[in-house]
Amino acid sequence: MTYRTPKPLSTFRHPNAVYDASFSPDGKLLASASLDNTAKIWDLESGEERLTLRGHGDGVCTVEFLPEGKKLVTASLDKSLRVWDVATGAALTTMSGHQQYVECMDASPDGRLLASGGYDNVVRIWDSTSGAPKLSLAGHTDAIYCVGFSADSKLLASGSYDQTLLLWNASTGEQLGALAGHNGTVEGLAFAPAGDRFATASGDGKIRICTSTSRVVIAELVGHRNFAKCVAYSPDGKWIASGGRDGEVHLWSTTTSAQVAKLDAHTNSVYSVEFSPDNTRLASASFDRSIKVWSVDELLG
């Protein structure tokens, strides 16, 4: 099947590689995280840069709005997490505790918790309001590349360079089990908006659909030419997006597991994909220093 790559709705740029991008809950803003040591907030209606957030001492690898939309969280290779005021750009809280680079972070859908992981092989859980550390989860034997909360905020998953994915009770820190079936590093993960399914992106190029209850792989999506770096569910649960080292963004049907779109989106690795809250747009962030926003309808063509 031949796919076409439509023109993006918007393109934003950093002076260095972009690790991550995240829509605000109302879909009006887009935040980005870069190896230039900053995060930026962009106005999607005007296309203008609204704020540059400075304070991290090394590259910013993850950015996410908290559910109420007034605060933004960043995680950095400087071993810290920070919470920022979206309106003013003021730094509100700094969380320190990791002994090595922080590679990944996620906020629980209920807004209460933050989880982070990195090169010290430990998952840390924080109180999102106070910034206080709550739990330290040991179980991986190598760097942690991705963490993610389930839709009900009760489960936490973590993926690692050690080729394992571990499931945890987010409240108690109890390890609930490991997921078998990966033949490469676990680079990215995302829970479905409802139910017990989640998707992983792996160093062997495959996207895997898994269940948290039985902890098994139920489908493998094959399309990326090498490392799959990131994965995301659409809020309506109909689609999965993935990005890879091949610079491509792929779109998959959750009903049939079929590939429905393929974009030659970037000229370097795609490290982040995310759907807008209203399902109409898809953002991709790349080491080619750009963030692109695409129309989902145009991708489905």
C-alpha atoms as a PDB file:
ATOM      1  CA  MET A   1       0.000   0.000   0.000  1.00  0.00           C
ATOM      2  CA  THR A   2       1.215   3.497  -0.839  1.00  0.00           C
ATOM      3  CA  TYR A   3       0.798   6.270   1.718  1.00  0.00           C
ATOM      4  CA  ARG A   4       1.176   9.973   1.190  1.00  0.00           C
ATOM      5  CA  THR A   5       2.656  12.434   3.657  1.00  0.00           C
ATOM      6  CA  PRO A   6       0.426  15.518   3.902  1.00  0.00           C
ATOM      7  CA  LYS A   7       1.733  18.925   4.836  1.00  0.00           C
ATOM      8  CA  PRO A   8       1.807  19.453   8.622  1.00  0.00           C
ATOM      9  CA  LEU A   9      -0.599  21.967  10.139  1.00  0.00           C
ATOM     10  CA  SER A  10       2.253  23.537  12.119  1.00  0.00           C
ATOM     11  CA  THR A  11       6.004  23.163  12.519  1.00  0.00           C
ATOM     12  CA  PHE A  12       7.933  24.417  15.547  1.00  0.00           C
ATOM     13  CA  ARG A  13      11.688  24.352  16.079  1.00  0.00           C
ATOM     14  CA  HIS A  14      14.351  24.231  18.766  1.00  0.00           C
ATOM     15  CA  PRO A  15      18.073  24.878  18.199  1.00  0.00           C
ATOM     16  CA  ASN A  16      18.797  21.304  19.317  1.00  0.00           C
ATOM     17  CA  ALA A  17      17.146  17.873  19.237  1.00  0.00           C
ATOM     18  CA  VAL A  18      13.561  17.643  20.518  1.00  0.00           C
ATOM     19  CA  TYR A  19      12.799  14.784  22.890  1.00  0.00           C
ATOM     20  CA  ASP A  20       9.105  15.231  23.636  1.00  0.00           C
ATOM     21  CA  ALA A  21       5.912  17.175  22.927  1.00  0.00           C
ATOM     22  CA  SER A  22       2.654  17.372  24.864  1.00  0.00           C
ATOM     23  CA  PHE A  23      -0.748  18.983  24.263  1.00  0.00           C
ATOM     24  CA  SER A  24      -2.458  20.987  26.989  1.00  0.00           C
ATOM     25  CA  PRO A  25      -5.750  19.509  28.235  1.00  0.00           C
ATOM     26  CA  ASP A  26      -7.752  22.122  26.292  1.00  0.00           C
ATOM     27  CA  GLY A  27      -5.736  21.479  23.121  1.00  0.00           C
ATOM     28  CA  LYS A  28      -4.747  25.131  22.718  1.00  0.00           C
ATOM     29  CA  LEU A  29      -1.087  24.826  23.710  1.00  0.00           C
ATOM     30  CA  LEU A  30       1.767  22.505  22.861  1.00  0.00           C
ATOM     31  CA  ALA A  31       4.807  22.060  25.085  1.00  0.00           C
ATOM     32  CA  SER A  32       8.144  20.724  23.857  1.00  0.00           C
ATOM     33  CA  ALA A  33      11.309  19.452  25.540  1.00  0.00           C
ATOM     34  CA  SER A  34      14.764  19.765  24.000  1.00  0.00           C
ATOM     35  CA  LEU A  35      18.436  18.971  24.404  1.00  0.00           C
ATOM     36  CA  ASP A  36      18.949  22.765  24.303  1.00  0.00           C
ATOM     37  CA  ASN A  37      18.169  22.600  28.085  1.00  0.00           C
ATOM     38  CA  THR A  38      14.787  24.304  27.670  1.00  0.00           C
ATOM     39  CA  ALA A  39      11.126  23.529  27.375  1.00  0.00           C
ATOM     40  CA  LYS A  40       8.910  25.748  25.265  1.00  0.00           C
ATOM     41  CA  ILE A  41       5.178  26.414  25.233  1.00  0.00           C
ATOM     42  CA  TRP A  42       3.619  27.162  21.852  1.00  0.00           C
ATOM     43  CA  ASP A  43       0.249  28.727  21.037  1.00  0.00           C
ATOM     44  CA  LEU A  44      -1.376  26.430  18.486  1.00  0.00           C
ATOM     45  CA  GLU A  45      -3.898  29.023  17.314  1.00  0.00           C
ATOM     46  CA  SER A  46      -1.374  31.762  16.525  1.00  0.00           C
ATOM     47  CA  GLY A  47       1.622  29.524  15.888  1.00  0.00           C
ATOM     48  CA  GLU A  48       3.715  31.716  18.166  1.00  0.00           C
ATOM     49  CA  GLU A  49       6.087  30.751  20.947  1.00  0.00           C
ATOM     50  CA  ARG A  50       4.470  31.742  24.236  1.00  0.00           C
ATOM     51  CA  LEU A  51       7.165  30.872  26.783  1.00  0.00           C
ATOM     52  CA  THR A  52      10.652  29.437  27.051  1.00  0.00           C
ATOM     53  CA  LEU A  53      11.270  27.672  30.356  1.00  0.00           C
ATOM     54  CA  ARG A  54      14.887  27.913  31.489  1.00  0.00           C
ATOM     55  CA  GLY A  55      16.409  26.437  34.623  1.00  0.00           C
ATOM     56  CA  HIS A  56      17.493  22.907  33.865  1.00  0.00           C
ATOM     57  CA  GLY A  57      21.240  22.366  33.668  1.00  0.00           C
ATOM     58  CA  ASP A  58      21.086  19.733  30.937  1.00  0.00           C
ATOM     59  CA  GLY A  59      18.770  18.513  28.199  1.00  0.00           C
ATOM     60  CA  VAL A  60      15.040  18.306  28.918  1.00  0.00           C
ATOM     61  CA  CYS A  61      13.752  14.878  27.919  1.00  0.00           C
ATOM     62  CA  THR A  62      10.086  14.860  28.952  1.00  0.00           C
ATOM     63  CA  VAL A  63       7.323  17.434  29.279  1.00  0.00           C
ATOM     64  CA  GLU A  64       3.708  17.001  30.352  1.00  0.00           C
ATOM     65  CA  PHE A  65       0.803  19.188  31.410  1.00  0.00           C
ATOM     66  CA  LEU A  66      -0.930  18.234  34.633  1.00  0.00           C
ATOM     67  CA  PRO A  67      -4.637  17.432  34.095  1.00  0.00           C
ATOM     68  CA  GLU A  68      -5.938  20.794  35.278  1.00  0.00           C
ATOM     69  CA  GLY A  69      -3.787  22.524  32.649  1.00  0.00           C
ATOM     70  CA  LYS A  70      -2.263  25.178  34.896  1.00  0.00           C
ATOM     71  CA  LYS A  71       1.022  23.408  35.591  1.00  0.00           C
ATOM     72  CA  LEU A  72       3.646  21.782  33.403  1.00  0.00           C
ATOM     73  CA  VAL A  73       6.170  19.154  34.502  1.00  0.00           C
ATOM     74  CA  THR A  74       9.597  18.634  32.944  1.00  0.00           C
ATOM     75  CA  ALA A  75      12.226  15.952  33.500  1.00  0.00           C
ATOM     76  CA  SER A  76      15.865  16.466  32.636  1.00  0.00           C
ATOM     77  CA  LEU A  77      19.215  14.829  32.131  1.00  0.00           C
ATOM     78  CA  ASP A  78      20.336  17.077  35.023  1.00  0.00           C
ATOM     79  CA  LYS A  79      18.723  14.398  37.290  1.00  0.00           C
ATOM     80  CA  SER A  80      15.776  16.582  38.333  1.00  0.00           C
ATOM     81  CA  LEU A  81      12.088  17.191  37.653  1.00  0.00           C
ATOM     82  CA  ARG A  82      10.505  20.635  37.761  1.00  0.00           C
ATOM     83  CA  VAL A  83       6.955  21.919  37.950  1.00  0.00           C
ATOM     84  CA  TRP A  84       6.202  25.216  36.178  1.00  0.00           C
ATOM     85  CA  ASP A  85       3.359  27.720  36.117  1.00  0.00           C
ATOM     86  CA  VAL A  86       1.936  27.621  32.583  1.00  0.00           C
ATOM     87  CA  ALA A  87       0.700  31.219  32.694  1.00  0.00           C
ATOM     88  CA  THR A  88       3.902  32.866  33.931  1.00  0.00           C
ATOM     89  CA  GLY A  89       6.671  30.355  33.283  1.00  0.00           C
ATOM     90  CA  ALA A  90       7.718  30.496  36.934  1.00  0.00           C
ATOM     91  CA  ALA A  91       9.414  27.405  38.367  1.00  0.00           C
ATOM     92  CA  LEU A  92       7.271  26.210  41.281  1.00  0.00           C
ATOM     93  CA  THR A  93       8.923  22.998  42.502  1.00  0.00           C
ATOM     94  CA  THR A  94      12.124  21.062  41.898  1.00  0.00           C
ATOM     95  CA  MET A  95      12.333  17.329  42.604  1.00  0.00           C
ATOM     96  CA  SER A  96      15.759  15.782  43.090  1.00  0.00           C
ATOM     97  CA  GLY A  97      16.632  12.221  44.017  1.00  0.00           C
ATOM     98  CA  HIS A  98      17.793  10.387  40.920  1.00  0.00           C
ATOM     99  CA  GLN A  99      21.504   9.599  40.891  1.00  0.00           C
ATOM    100  CA  GLN A 100      21.850   9.611  37.099  1.00  0.00           C
ATOM    101  CA  TYR A 101      20.116  11.089  34.027  1.00  0.00           C
ATOM    102  CA  VAL A 102      16.318  11.184  34.189  1.00  0.00           C
ATOM    103  CA  GLU A 103      15.094   9.773  30.889  1.00  0.00           C
ATOM    104  CA  CYS A 104      11.297   9.600  31.297  1.00  0.00           C
ATOM    105  CA  MET A 105       8.358  10.897  33.316  1.00  0.00           C
ATOM    106  CA  ASP A 106       4.586  10.521  33.406  1.00  0.00           C
ATOM    107  CA  ALA A 107       1.781  12.146  35.385  1.00  0.00           C
ATOM    108  CA  SER A 108      -1.080  10.029  36.668  1.00  0.00           C
ATOM    109  CA  PRO A 109      -4.406  10.825  34.969  1.00  0.00           C
ATOM    110  CA  ASP A 110      -5.892  11.860  38.332  1.00  0.00           C
ATOM    111  CA  GLY A 111      -3.090  14.419  38.682  1.00  0.00           C
ATOM    112  CA  ARG A 112      -1.891  13.207  42.076  1.00  0.00           C
ATOM    113  CA  LEU A 113       1.347  11.432  41.222  1.00  0.00           C
ATOM    114  CA  LEU A 114       4.403  11.745  39.023  1.00  0.00           C
ATOM    115  CA  ALA A 115       6.613   8.823  38.058  1.00  0.00           C
ATOM    116  CA  SER A 116      10.141   9.130  36.701  1.00  0.00           C
ATOM    117  CA  GLY A 117      12.880   6.787  35.573  1.00  0.00           C
ATOM    118  CA  GLY A 118      16.382   6.973  34.249  1.00  0.00           C
ATOM    119  CA  TYR A 119      19.916   5.711  34.239  1.00  0.00           C
ATOM    120  CA  ASP A 120      20.045   4.833  37.954  1.00  0.00           C
ATOM    121  CA  ASN A 121      17.692   1.894  37.138  1.00  0.00           C
ATOM    122  CA  VAL A 122      15.105   3.110  39.681  1.00  0.00           C
ATOM    123  CA  VAL A 123      11.510   4.279  39.214  1.00  0.00           C
ATOM    124  CA  ARG A 124      10.606   7.100  41.578  1.00  0.00           C
ATOM    125  CA  ILE A 125       7.089   8.250  42.432  1.00  0.00           C
ATOM    126  CA  TRP A 126       6.457  11.801  43.631  1.00  0.00           C
ATOM    127  CA  ASP A 127       3.565  13.834  44.993  1.00  0.00           C
ATOM    128  CA  SER A 128       2.733  16.206  42.142  1.00  0.00           C
ATOM    129  CA  THR A 129       1.528  18.991  44.445  1.00  0.00           C
ATOM    130  CA  SER A 130       4.300  19.118  47.033  1.00  0.00           C
ATOM    131  CA  GLY A 131       7.077  17.488  45.038  1.00  0.00           C
ATOM    132  CA  ALA A 132       7.743  15.146  47.948  1.00  0.00           C
ATOM    133  CA  PRO A 133       9.164  11.694  47.142  1.00  0.00           C
ATOM    134  CA  LYS A 134       6.719   8.884  47.871  1.00  0.00           C
ATOM    135  CA  LEU A 135       8.184   5.618  46.566  1.00  0.00           C
ATOM    136  CA  SER A 136      11.371   4.229  45.058  1.00  0.00           C
ATOM    137  CA  LEU A 137      10.862   1.112  42.930  1.00  0.00           C
ATOM    138  CA  ALA A 138      13.808  -1.199  42.287  1.00  0.00           C
ATOM    139  CA  GLY A 139      13.523  -4.100  39.877  1.00  0.00           C
ATOM    140  CA  HIS A 140      15.190  -3.191  36.604  1.00  0.00           C
ATOM    141  CA  THR A 141      18.820  -4.067  35.974  1.00  0.00           C
ATOM    142  CA  ASP A 142      19.530  -1.308  33.456  1.00  0.00           C
ATOM    143  CA  ALA A 143      18.390   2.169  32.426  1.00  0.00           C
ATOM    144  CA  ILE A 144      14.651   2.902  32.418  1.00  0.00           C
ATOM    145  CA  TYR A 145      13.465   4.422  29.150  1.00  0.00           C
ATOM    146  CA  CYS A 146       9.717   4.802  29.708  1.00  0.00           C
ATOM    147  CA  VAL A 147       7.093   4.934  32.451  1.00  0.00           C
ATOM    148  CA  GLY A 148       3.314   5.217  32.186  1.00  0.00           C
ATOM    149  CA  PHE A 149       0.211   5.182  34.367  1.00  0.00           C
ATOM    150  CA  SER A 150      -2.962   3.292  33.535  1.00  0.00           C
ATOM    151  CA  ALA A 151      -6.123   5.272  32.810  1.00  0.00           C
ATOM    152  CA  ASP A 152      -7.439   4.701  36.355  1.00  0.00           C
ATOM    153  CA  SER A 153      -4.072   5.769  37.868  1.00  0.00           C
ATOM    154  CA  LYS A 154      -3.809   2.480  39.781  1.00  0.00           C
ATOM    155  CA  LEU A 155      -1.093   0.789  37.740  1.00  0.00           C
ATOM    156  CA  LEU A 156       2.342   1.947  36.657  1.00  0.00           C
ATOM    157  CA  ALA A 157       4.410   0.310  33.937  1.00  0.00           C
ATOM    158  CA  SER A 158       8.120   0.793  33.334  1.00  0.00           C
ATOM    159  CA  GLY A 159      10.229  -0.280  30.360  1.00  0.00           C
ATOM    160  CA  SER A 160      13.973  -0.659  30.273  1.00  0.00           C
ATOM    161  CA  TYR A 161      17.154  -1.223  28.339  1.00  0.00           C
ATOM    162  CA  ASP A 162      17.185  -4.599  30.132  1.00  0.00           C
ATOM    163  CA  GLN A 163      14.441  -5.693  27.662  1.00  0.00           C
ATOM    164  CA  THR A 164      11.780  -6.070  30.365  1.00  0.00           C
ATOM    165  CA  LEU A 165       8.558  -4.302  31.194  1.00  0.00           C
ATOM    166  CA  LEU A 166       7.501  -4.318  34.848  1.00  0.00           C
ATOM    167  CA  LEU A 167       4.056  -3.570  36.284  1.00  0.00           C
ATOM    168  CA  TRP A 168       3.641  -1.919  39.677  1.00  0.00           C
ATOM    169  CA  ASN A 169       0.894  -0.940  42.094  1.00  0.00           C
ATOM    170  CA  ALA A 170       1.165   2.854  41.869  1.00  0.00           C
ATOM    171  CA  SER A 171      -0.039   3.400  45.441  1.00  0.00           C
ATOM    172  CA  THR A 172       2.034   0.801  47.290  1.00  0.00           C
ATOM    173  CA  GLY A 173       4.971   0.221  44.962  1.00  0.00           C
ATOM    174  CA  GLU A 174       4.364  -3.524  44.926  1.00  0.00           C
ATOM    175  CA  GLN A 175       5.772  -5.186  41.822  1.00  0.00           C
ATOM    176  CA  LEU A 176       2.899  -7.043  40.162  1.00  0.00           C
ATOM    177  CA  GLY A 177       4.898  -8.916  37.561  1.00  0.00           C
ATOM    178  CA  ALA A 178       6.934  -8.742  34.399  1.00  0.00           C
ATOM    179  CA  LEU A 179       5.771  -8.877  30.818  1.00  0.00           C
ATOM    180  CA  ALA A 180       7.503 -11.449  28.653  1.00  0.00           C
ATOM    181  CA  GLY A 181       7.876 -11.233  24.899  1.00  0.00           C
ATOM    182  CA  HIS A 182      10.241  -8.350  24.123  1.00  0.00           C
ATOM    183  CA  ASN A 183      13.312  -9.102  22.035  1.00  0.00           C
ATOM    184  CA  GLY A 184      14.805  -5.650  22.355  1.00  0.00           C
ATOM    185  CA  THR A 185      14.932  -2.642  24.631  1.00  0.00           C
ATOM    186  CA  VAL A 186      11.555  -1.257  25.720  1.00  0.00           C
ATOM    187  CA  GLU A 187      11.738   2.295  24.391  1.00  0.00           C
ATOM    188  CA  GLY A 188       8.191   3.612  24.876  1.00  0.00           C
ATOM    189  CA  LEU A 189       4.819   2.661  26.313  1.00  0.00           C
ATOM    190  CA  ALA A 190       1.268   3.954  26.503  1.00  0.00           C
ATOM    191  CA  PHE A 191      -1.877   2.689  28.211  1.00  0.00           C
ATOM    192  CA  ALA A 192      -5.181   2.629  26.363  1.00  0.00           C
ATOM    193  CA  PRO A 193      -7.725   5.257  27.516  1.00  0.00           C
ATOM    194  CA  ALA A 194      -9.912   2.456  28.913  1.00  0.00           C
ATOM    195  CA  GLY A 195      -9.524  -1.226  29.670  1.00  0.00           C
ATOM    196  CA  ASP A 196      -6.416  -3.248  30.447  1.00  0.00           C
ATOM    197  CA  ARG A 197      -4.454  -2.873  27.220  1.00  0.00           C
ATOM    198  CA  PHE A 198      -1.249  -0.992  26.671  1.00  0.00           C
ATOM    199  CA  ALA A 199       1.214  -0.666  23.817  1.00  0.00           C
ATOM    200  CA  THR A 200       4.999  -0.759  23.806  1.00  0.00           C
ATOM    201  CA  ALA A 201       7.645   0.402  21.342  1.00  0.00           C
ATOM    202  CA  SER A 202      10.746  -1.746  21.171  1.00  0.00           C
ATOM    203  CA  GLY A 203      14.309  -1.695  19.956  1.00  0.00           C
ATOM    204  CA  ASP A 204      13.488  -4.595  17.642  1.00  0.00           C
ATOM    205  CA  GLY A 205      11.221  -2.240  15.668  1.00  0.00           C
ATOM    206  CA  LYS A 206       7.931  -3.785  16.760  1.00  0.00           C
ATOM    207  CA  ILE A 207       4.906  -2.252  18.473  1.00  0.00           C
ATOM    208  CA  ARG A 208       3.338  -4.733  20.867  1.00  0.00           C
ATOM    209  CA  ILE A 209      -0.188  -4.703  22.265  1.00  0.00           C
ATOM    210  CA  CYS A 210      -0.297  -6.193  25.744  1.00  0.00           C
ATOM    211  CA  THR A 211      -2.724  -6.714  28.610  1.00  0.00           C
ATOM    212  CA  SER A 212      -1.997  -5.761  32.190  1.00  0.00           C
ATOM    213  CA  THR A 213      -4.260  -8.464  33.628  1.00  0.00           C
ATOM    214  CA  SER A 214      -2.734 -11.502  31.925  1.00  0.00           C
ATOM    215  CA  ARG A 215       0.618  -9.796  31.205  1.00  0.00           C
ATOM    216  CA  VAL A 216       0.925 -11.245  27.719  1.00  0.00           C
ATOM    217  CA  VAL A 217       1.501  -9.852  24.227  1.00  0.00           C
ATOM    218  CA  ILE A 218      -1.677 -10.206  22.164  1.00  0.00           C
ATOM    219  CA  ALA A 219      -0.533  -8.515  18.935  1.00  0.00           C
ATOM    220  CA  GLU A 220       2.644  -7.364  17.224  1.00  0.00           C
ATOM    221  CA  LEU A 221       2.576  -4.444  14.789  1.00  0.00           C
ATOM    222  CA  VAL A 222       5.416  -4.586  12.277  1.00  0.00           C
ATOM    223  CA  GLY A 223       6.298  -1.608  10.106  1.00  0.00           C
ATOM    224  CA  HIS A 224       9.245   0.397  11.418  1.00  0.00           C
ATOM    225  CA  ARG A 225      12.541  -0.324   9.701  1.00  0.00           C
ATOM    226  CA  ASN A 226      14.548  -0.266  12.932  1.00  0.00           C
ATOM    227  CA  PHE A 227      14.137   1.006  16.511  1.00  0.00           C
ATOM    228  CA  ALA A 228      10.574   1.977  17.432  1.00  0.00           C
ATOM    229  CA  LYS A 229      11.012   4.837  19.908  1.00  0.00           C
ATOM    230  CA  CYS A 230       7.558   5.952  21.009  1.00  0.00           C
ATOM    231  CA  VAL A 231       3.880   5.044  20.995  1.00  0.00           C
ATOM    232  CA  ALA A 232       0.562   6.739  21.859  1.00  0.00           C
ATOM    233  CA  TYR A 233      -3.153   5.914  21.936  1.00  0.00           C
ATOM    234  CA  SER A 234      -5.751   8.329  20.626  1.00  0.00           C
ATOM    235  CA  PRO A 235      -8.104   9.498  23.405  1.00  0.00           C
ATOM    236  CA  ASP A 236     -11.044   7.732  21.720  1.00  0.00           C
ATOM    237  CA  GLY A 237      -9.053   4.484  21.673  1.00  0.00           C
ATOM    238  CA  LYS A 238      -9.391   3.950  17.917  1.00  0.00           C
ATOM    239  CA  TRP A 239      -5.790   4.534  16.866  1.00  0.00           C
ATOM    240  CA  ILE A 240      -2.219   3.935  17.927  1.00  0.00           C
ATOM    241  CA  ALA A 241       0.574   6.181  16.681  1.00  0.00           C
ATOM    242  CA  SER A 242       4.222   5.183  16.726  1.00  0.00           C
ATOM    243  CA  GLY A 243       7.504   6.833  15.861  1.00  0.00           C
ATOM    244  CA  GLY A 244      10.922   5.403  15.177  1.00  0.00           C
ATOM    245  CA  ARG A 245      14.572   5.911  14.479  1.00  0.00           C
ATOM    246  CA  ASP A 246      13.649   5.691  10.785  1.00  0.00           C
ATOM    247  CA  GLY A 247      12.077   9.168  11.051  1.00  0.00           C
ATOM    248  CA  GLU A 248       8.662   7.720  10.271  1.00  0.00           C
ATOM    249  CA  VAL A 249       5.340   8.046  12.073  1.00  0.00           C
ATOM    250  CA  HIS A 250       2.921   5.145  11.678  1.00  0.00           C
ATOM    251  CA  LEU A 251      -0.790   5.026  12.475  1.00  0.00           C
ATOM    252  CA  TRP A 252      -2.496   1.736  13.373  1.00  0.00           C
ATOM    253  CA  SER A 253      -6.084   0.613  13.910  1.00  0.00           C
ATOM    254  CA  THR A 254      -6.695  -0.775  17.397  1.00  0.00           C
ATOM    255  CA  THR A 255      -9.589  -2.831  16.013  1.00  0.00           C
ATOM    256  CA  THR A 256      -7.728  -4.661  13.253  1.00  0.00           C
ATOM    257  CA  SER A 257      -4.062  -3.994  14.187  1.00  0.00           C
ATOM    258  CA  ALA A 258      -3.607  -2.912  10.553  1.00  0.00           C
ATOM    259  CA  GLN A 259      -1.350  -0.043   9.568  1.00  0.00           C
ATOM    260  CA  VAL A 260      -3.564   2.745   8.215  1.00  0.00           C
ATOM    261  CA  ALA A 261      -1.007   5.508   7.602  1.00  0.00           C
ATOM    262  CA  LYS A 262       2.743   5.986   7.291  1.00  0.00           C
ATOM    263  CA  LEU A 263       4.462   9.365   7.287  1.00  0.00           C
ATOM    264  CA  ASP A 264       7.947  10.274   6.207  1.00  0.00           C
ATOM    265  CA  ALA A 265       7.643  12.777   8.997  1.00  0.00           C
ATOM    266  CA  HIS A 266      11.180  13.716   9.998  1.00  0.00           C
ATOM    267  CA  THR A 267      14.808  13.534   8.895  1.00  0.00           C
ATOM    268  CA  ASN A 268      15.989  12.048  12.195  1.00  0.00           C
ATOM    269  CA  SER A 269      14.631   9.815  14.973  1.00  0.00           C
ATOM    270  CA  VAL A 270      11.088  10.458  16.204  1.00  0.00           C
ATOM    271  CA  TYR A 271      11.174  10.420  19.996  1.00  0.00           C
ATOM    272  CA  SER A 272       7.589  11.388  20.792  1.00  0.00           C
ATOM    273  CA  VAL A 273       4.088  11.129  19.352  1.00  0.00           C
ATOM    274  CA  GLU A 274       0.928  12.393  21.024  1.00  0.00           C
ATOM    275  CA  PHE A 275      -2.696  12.910  20.008  1.00  0.00           C
ATOM    276  CA  SER A 276      -4.593  16.060  20.899  1.00  0.00           C
ATOM    277  CA  PRO A 277      -7.368  15.665  23.497  1.00  0.00           C
ATOM    278  CA  ASP A 278     -10.062  15.989  20.792  1.00  0.00           C
ATOM    279  CA  ASN A 279      -8.461  13.280  18.578  1.00  0.00           C
ATOM    280  CA  THR A 280      -8.079  15.655  15.612  1.00  0.00           C
ATOM    281  CA  ARG A 281      -4.316  16.289  15.663  1.00  0.00           C
ATOM    282  CA  LEU A 282      -1.118  14.335  16.151  1.00  0.00           C
ATOM    283  CA  ALA A 283       2.165  15.873  17.283  1.00  0.00           C
ATOM    284  CA  SER A 284       5.551  14.339  16.528  1.00  0.00           C
ATOM    285  CA  ALA A 285       8.873  15.451  18.035  1.00  0.00           C
ATOM    286  CA  SER A 286      12.223  14.594  16.519  1.00  0.00           C
ATOM    287  CA  PHE A 287      15.962  14.782  16.862  1.00  0.00           C
ATOM    288  CA  ASP A 288      15.842  16.805  13.616  1.00  0.00           C
ATOM    289  CA  ARG A 289      15.048  19.714  16.014  1.00  0.00           C
ATOM    290  CA  SER A 290      11.413  20.057  14.984  1.00  0.00           C
ATOM    291  CA  ILE A 291       7.927  19.386  16.299  1.00  0.00           C
ATOM    292  CA  LYS A 292       5.226  18.866  13.693  1.00  0.00           C
ATOM    293  CA  VAL A 293       1.458  18.875  14.175  1.00  0.00           C
ATOM    294  CA  TRP A 294      -0.607  16.812  11.733  1.00  0.00           C
ATOM    295  CA  SER A 295      -4.306  16.534  10.921  1.00  0.00           C
ATOM    296  CA  VAL A 296      -5.469  13.018  11.816  1.00  0.00           C
ATOM    297  CA  ASP A 297      -8.193  13.185   9.145  1.00  0.00           C
ATOM    298  CA  GLU A 298      -5.587  14.015   6.499  1.00  0.00           C
ATOM    299  CA  LEU A 299      -3.380  11.160   7.670  1.00  0.00           C
ATOM    300  CA  LEU A 300      -6.273   8.738   7.350  1.00  0.00           C
ATOM    301  CA  GLY A 301      -6.956  10.262   3.939  1.00  0.00           C
END
